[in-house]
Amino acid sequence: MGFEAWNRDLMRKEQEFEEIREDIDAKQRATVWPDTLRNGSSVDAFLWRGDPRAKPIQRAGLVVFGLTFLLLAIAIGSIPFDRDFPDGWVVDFLLALFLLLLSMRLFRNALLRSKNPEREIDQDGRE
């Protein structure tokens, strides 16, 4: 009986070790070509659609990214006022409007929250 308990304990530890090893392999795999492409597409999806389970640092980065587009929109939108509306001012306003809408979309995605706040989320962001 003692040998069987010891063997079960050893098998459980080996299984835990394999899970840890697979997790480390998955994290290291993210630096080679096919996985970087997949990770890049997930970043693009996060930027455009948002994620209610995003970590605070991801939200902060998205806000900084949105502020960049907002400042560009303000700078480009103010050019016609500085130069007394020369020819082509409509293009400036359209570009500024596009950048403003893009920044608002990024801010919306940064502030997107889960509809169910009681849901438990572990350290990796999974339920």
Protein backbone atom coordinates (compact mmCIF):
# COMPACT_ATOMS: atom_id res chain seq x y z
CA MET A 1 0.00 0.00 0.00
CA GLY A 2 2.83 2.43 0.79
CA PHE A 3 4.46 1.83 -2.58
CA GLU A 4 1.22 2.53 -4.48
CA ALA A 5 0.67 5.84 -2.64
CA TRP A 6 4.27 6.82 -3.29
CA ASN A 7 3.90 5.90 -6.99
CA ARG A 8 0.65 7.95 -7.29
CA ASP A 9 2.36 10.92 -5.67
CA LEU A 10 5.30 10.58 -8.05
CA MET A 11 2.98 10.39 -11.08
CA ARG A 12 1.09 13.49 -9.91
CA LYS A 13 4.37 15.41 -9.54
CA GLU A 14 5.48 14.30 -13.00
CA GLN A 15 2.16 15.46 -14.44
CA GLU A 16 2.52 18.86 -12.72
CA PHE A 17 6.07 19.11 -14.06
CA GLU A 18 4.85 18.37 -17.58
CA GLU A 19 2.16 21.05 -17.31
CA ILE A 20 4.76 23.60 -16.16
CA ARG A 21 7.12 22.56 -18.96
CA GLU A 22 4.36 22.88 -21.58
CA ASP A 23 3.46 26.32 -20.24
CA ILE A 24 7.08 27.46 -20.49
CA ASP A 25 7.36 26.02 -24.02
CA ALA A 26 4.22 27.89 -25.05
CA LYS A 27 5.60 31.18 -23.72
CA GLN A 28 8.94 30.67 -25.47
CA ARG A 29 7.24 29.69 -28.71
CA ALA A 30 5.81 33.21 -28.99
CA THR A 31 9.17 34.47 -30.26
CA VAL A 32 9.33 32.44 -33.49
CA TRP A 33 7.67 33.33 -36.80
CA PRO A 34 4.27 31.62 -37.01
CA ASP A 35 3.49 32.44 -33.38
CA THR A 36 4.49 36.09 -33.73
CA LEU A 37 2.03 36.40 -36.59
CA ARG A 38 -0.74 34.92 -34.42
CA ASN A 39 0.16 37.21 -31.51
CA GLY A 40 0.22 40.22 -33.82
CA SER A 41 -3.27 39.45 -35.03
CA SER A 42 -4.49 39.15 -31.45
CA VAL A 43 -3.04 42.60 -30.70
CA ASP A 44 -4.80 44.01 -33.75
CA ALA A 45 -8.06 42.44 -32.60
CA PHE A 46 -7.59 43.93 -29.13
CA LEU A 47 -6.95 47.39 -30.58
CA TRP A 48 -10.00 47.33 -32.83
CA ARG A 49 -12.54 45.28 -30.86
CA GLY A 50 -11.30 45.62 -27.29
CA ASP A 51 -11.33 42.96 -24.61
CA PRO A 52 -13.45 43.11 -21.45
CA ARG A 53 -10.86 40.94 -19.68
CA ALA A 54 -7.83 43.09 -20.59
CA LYS A 55 -5.26 43.71 -17.90
CA PRO A 56 -4.84 47.25 -16.53
CA ILE A 57 -1.45 47.69 -18.22
CA GLN A 58 -3.02 46.79 -21.58
CA ARG A 59 -5.76 49.34 -20.98
CA ALA A 60 -3.19 51.99 -20.06
CA GLY A 61 -1.24 51.28 -23.24
CA LEU A 62 -4.41 51.60 -25.28
CA VAL A 63 -5.18 54.96 -23.66
CA VAL A 64 -1.67 56.22 -24.49
CA PHE A 65 -2.12 55.02 -28.08
CA GLY A 66 -5.50 56.79 -28.25
CA LEU A 67 -4.00 59.99 -26.84
CA THR A 68 -1.44 59.96 -29.64
CA PHE A 69 -4.18 59.95 -32.28
CA LEU A 70 -6.17 62.56 -30.36
CA LEU A 71 -3.19 64.94 -30.22
CA LEU A 72 -2.59 64.42 -33.94
CA ALA A 73 -6.27 65.19 -34.62
CA ILE A 74 -6.06 68.41 -32.62
CA ALA A 75 -2.82 69.47 -34.31
CA ILE A 76 -4.08 68.77 -37.84
CA GLY A 77 -7.49 70.26 -37.12
CA SER A 78 -5.94 73.50 -35.89
CA ILE A 79 -3.82 74.08 -39.01
CA PRO A 80 -6.61 75.76 -41.06
CA PHE A 81 -7.35 78.16 -38.18
CA ASP A 82 -3.69 79.12 -37.98
CA ARG A 83 -3.43 79.80 -41.73
CA ASP A 84 -6.80 81.51 -42.32
CA PHE A 85 -8.37 78.56 -44.16
CA PRO A 86 -6.20 78.15 -47.26
CA ASP A 87 -7.13 75.86 -50.13
CA GLY A 88 -7.38 72.26 -49.05
CA TRP A 89 -8.66 72.98 -45.54
CA VAL A 90 -11.43 70.41 -46.03
CA VAL A 91 -8.78 67.69 -46.37
CA ASP A 92 -7.25 68.80 -43.08
CA PHE A 93 -10.61 68.63 -41.34
CA LEU A 94 -11.42 65.21 -42.82
CA LEU A 95 -8.06 63.84 -41.72
CA ALA A 96 -8.54 65.36 -38.26
CA LEU A 97 -12.04 63.87 -38.07
CA PHE A 98 -10.72 60.43 -39.04
CA LEU A 99 -8.00 60.63 -36.37
CA LEU A 100 -10.52 61.85 -33.80
CA LEU A 101 -12.88 58.96 -34.53
CA LEU A 102 -9.99 56.50 -34.35
CA SER A 103 -8.88 57.86 -30.99
CA MET A 104 -12.45 57.68 -29.66
CA ARG A 105 -12.66 54.05 -30.76
CA LEU A 106 -9.42 53.26 -28.92
CA PHE A 107 -10.66 55.04 -25.77
CA ARG A 108 -13.91 53.07 -25.95
CA ASN A 109 -11.97 49.81 -26.21
CA ALA A 110 -9.75 50.80 -23.29
CA LEU A 111 -12.78 51.45 -21.09
CA LEU A 112 -14.69 48.34 -22.20
CA ARG A 113 -15.63 46.33 -19.12
CA SER A 114 -17.10 42.91 -18.57
CA LYS A 115 -20.87 42.74 -18.32
CA ASN A 116 -20.52 40.30 -15.43
CA PRO A 117 -18.14 41.84 -12.84
CA GLU A 118 -18.48 38.89 -10.44
CA ARG A 119 -16.75 36.57 -12.90
CA GLU A 120 -13.48 35.26 -11.52
CA ILE A 121 -10.42 35.79 -13.67
CA ASP A 122 -7.12 34.15 -12.85
CA GLN A 123 -3.66 35.68 -13.22
CA ASP A 124 -3.36 34.79 -16.92
CA GLY A 125 -6.66 36.48 -17.73
CA ARG A 126 -8.58 33.24 -18.21
CA GLU A 127 -11.81 32.37 -16.45
